[in-house]
Amino acid sequence: MIASIIIGVAIFGYAAWALVKFINKSKKGKCAACDLKNSCSSQCHLPPQG
């Protein structure tokens, strides 16, 4: 019984942590949250056209 509670809390805790991490990354924008932003050669660093 206690093991089931601990496992349940661990699963829901990890899910909450992953959700918060995802939301925080999505608020930063595509390139700011990218792990490769310093070595990426995509168009993210250019100012918007138009």
C-alpha atoms as a PDB file:
ATOM      1  CA  MET A   1       0.000   0.000   0.000  1.00  0.00           C
ATOM      2  CA  ILE A   2       2.660   2.541   0.999  1.00  0.00           C
ATOM      3  CA  ALA A   3       4.828   1.495  -1.947  1.00  0.00           C
ATOM      4  CA  SER A   4       1.947   2.176  -4.339  1.00  0.00           C
ATOM      5  CA  ILE A   5       1.506   5.652  -2.883  1.00  0.00           C
ATOM      6  CA  ILE A   6       5.212   6.411  -3.192  1.00  0.00           C
ATOM      7  CA  ILE A   7       5.318   5.167  -6.784  1.00  0.00           C
ATOM      8  CA  GLY A   8       2.192   7.193  -7.633  1.00  0.00           C
ATOM      9  CA  VAL A   9       3.637  10.354  -6.112  1.00  0.00           C
ATOM     10  CA  ALA A  10       6.890   9.811  -8.012  1.00  0.00           C
ATOM     11  CA  ILE A  11       5.062   9.362 -11.327  1.00  0.00           C
ATOM     12  CA  PHE A  12       2.821  12.390 -10.876  1.00  0.00           C
ATOM     13  CA  GLY A  13       5.736  14.463  -9.577  1.00  0.00           C
ATOM     14  CA  TYR A  14       7.809  13.668 -12.646  1.00  0.00           C
ATOM     15  CA  ALA A  15       4.865  14.394 -14.941  1.00  0.00           C
ATOM     16  CA  ALA A  16       4.336  17.782 -13.274  1.00  0.00           C
ATOM     17  CA  TRP A  17       8.044  18.601 -13.520  1.00  0.00           C
ATOM     18  CA  ALA A  18       8.127  17.652 -17.216  1.00  0.00           C
ATOM     19  CA  LEU A  19       5.036  19.759 -17.916  1.00  0.00           C
ATOM     20  CA  VAL A  20       6.489  22.823 -16.165  1.00  0.00           C
ATOM     21  CA  LYS A  21       9.768  22.392 -18.037  1.00  0.00           C
ATOM     22  CA  PHE A  22       7.920  22.125 -21.368  1.00  0.00           C
ATOM     23  CA  ILE A  23       5.826  25.245 -20.645  1.00  0.00           C
ATOM     24  CA  ASN A  24       8.887  27.266 -19.652  1.00  0.00           C
ATOM     25  CA  LYS A  25      10.721  26.250 -22.830  1.00  0.00           C
ATOM     26  CA  SER A  26       7.733  27.081 -25.011  1.00  0.00           C
ATOM     27  CA  LYS A  27       7.500  30.561 -23.478  1.00  0.00           C
ATOM     28  CA  LYS A  28      11.106  31.289 -24.482  1.00  0.00           C
ATOM     29  CA  GLY A  29      10.482  30.592 -28.139  1.00  0.00           C
ATOM     30  CA  LYS A  30      11.827  28.047 -30.552  1.00  0.00           C
ATOM     31  CA  CYS A  31      15.465  29.092 -30.759  1.00  0.00           C
ATOM     32  CA  ALA A  32      15.993  30.497 -27.268  1.00  0.00           C
ATOM     33  CA  ALA A  33      15.042  27.175 -25.721  1.00  0.00           C
ATOM     34  CA  CYS A  34      17.074  25.056 -28.125  1.00  0.00           C
ATOM     35  CA  ASP A  35      20.040  23.162 -26.694  1.00  0.00           C
ATOM     36  CA  LEU A  36      22.001  23.823 -29.898  1.00  0.00           C
ATOM     37  CA  LYS A  37      21.346  27.572 -30.051  1.00  0.00           C
ATOM     38  CA  ASN A  38      25.039  28.468 -29.847  1.00  0.00           C
ATOM     39  CA  SER A  39      26.114  26.223 -32.707  1.00  0.00           C
ATOM     40  CA  CYS A  40      22.973  26.207 -34.835  1.00  0.00           C
ATOM     41  CA  SER A  41      23.041  27.540 -38.386  1.00  0.00           C
ATOM     42  CA  SER A  42      19.289  28.043 -38.744  1.00  0.00           C
ATOM     43  CA  GLN A  43      17.545  31.312 -39.523  1.00  0.00           C
ATOM     44  CA  CYS A  44      16.557  32.051 -35.898  1.00  0.00           C
ATOM     45  CA  HIS A  45      19.157  34.723 -35.261  1.00  0.00           C
ATOM     46  CA  LEU A  46      18.083  36.868 -38.207  1.00  0.00           C
ATOM     47  CA  PRO A  47      15.571  39.689 -37.711  1.00  0.00           C
ATOM     48  CA  PRO A  48      12.071  39.061 -39.053  1.00  0.00           C
ATOM     49  CA  GLN A  49      11.570  39.927 -42.702  1.00  0.00           C
ATOM     50  CA  GLY A  50       8.759  42.146 -43.857  1.00  0.00           C
END
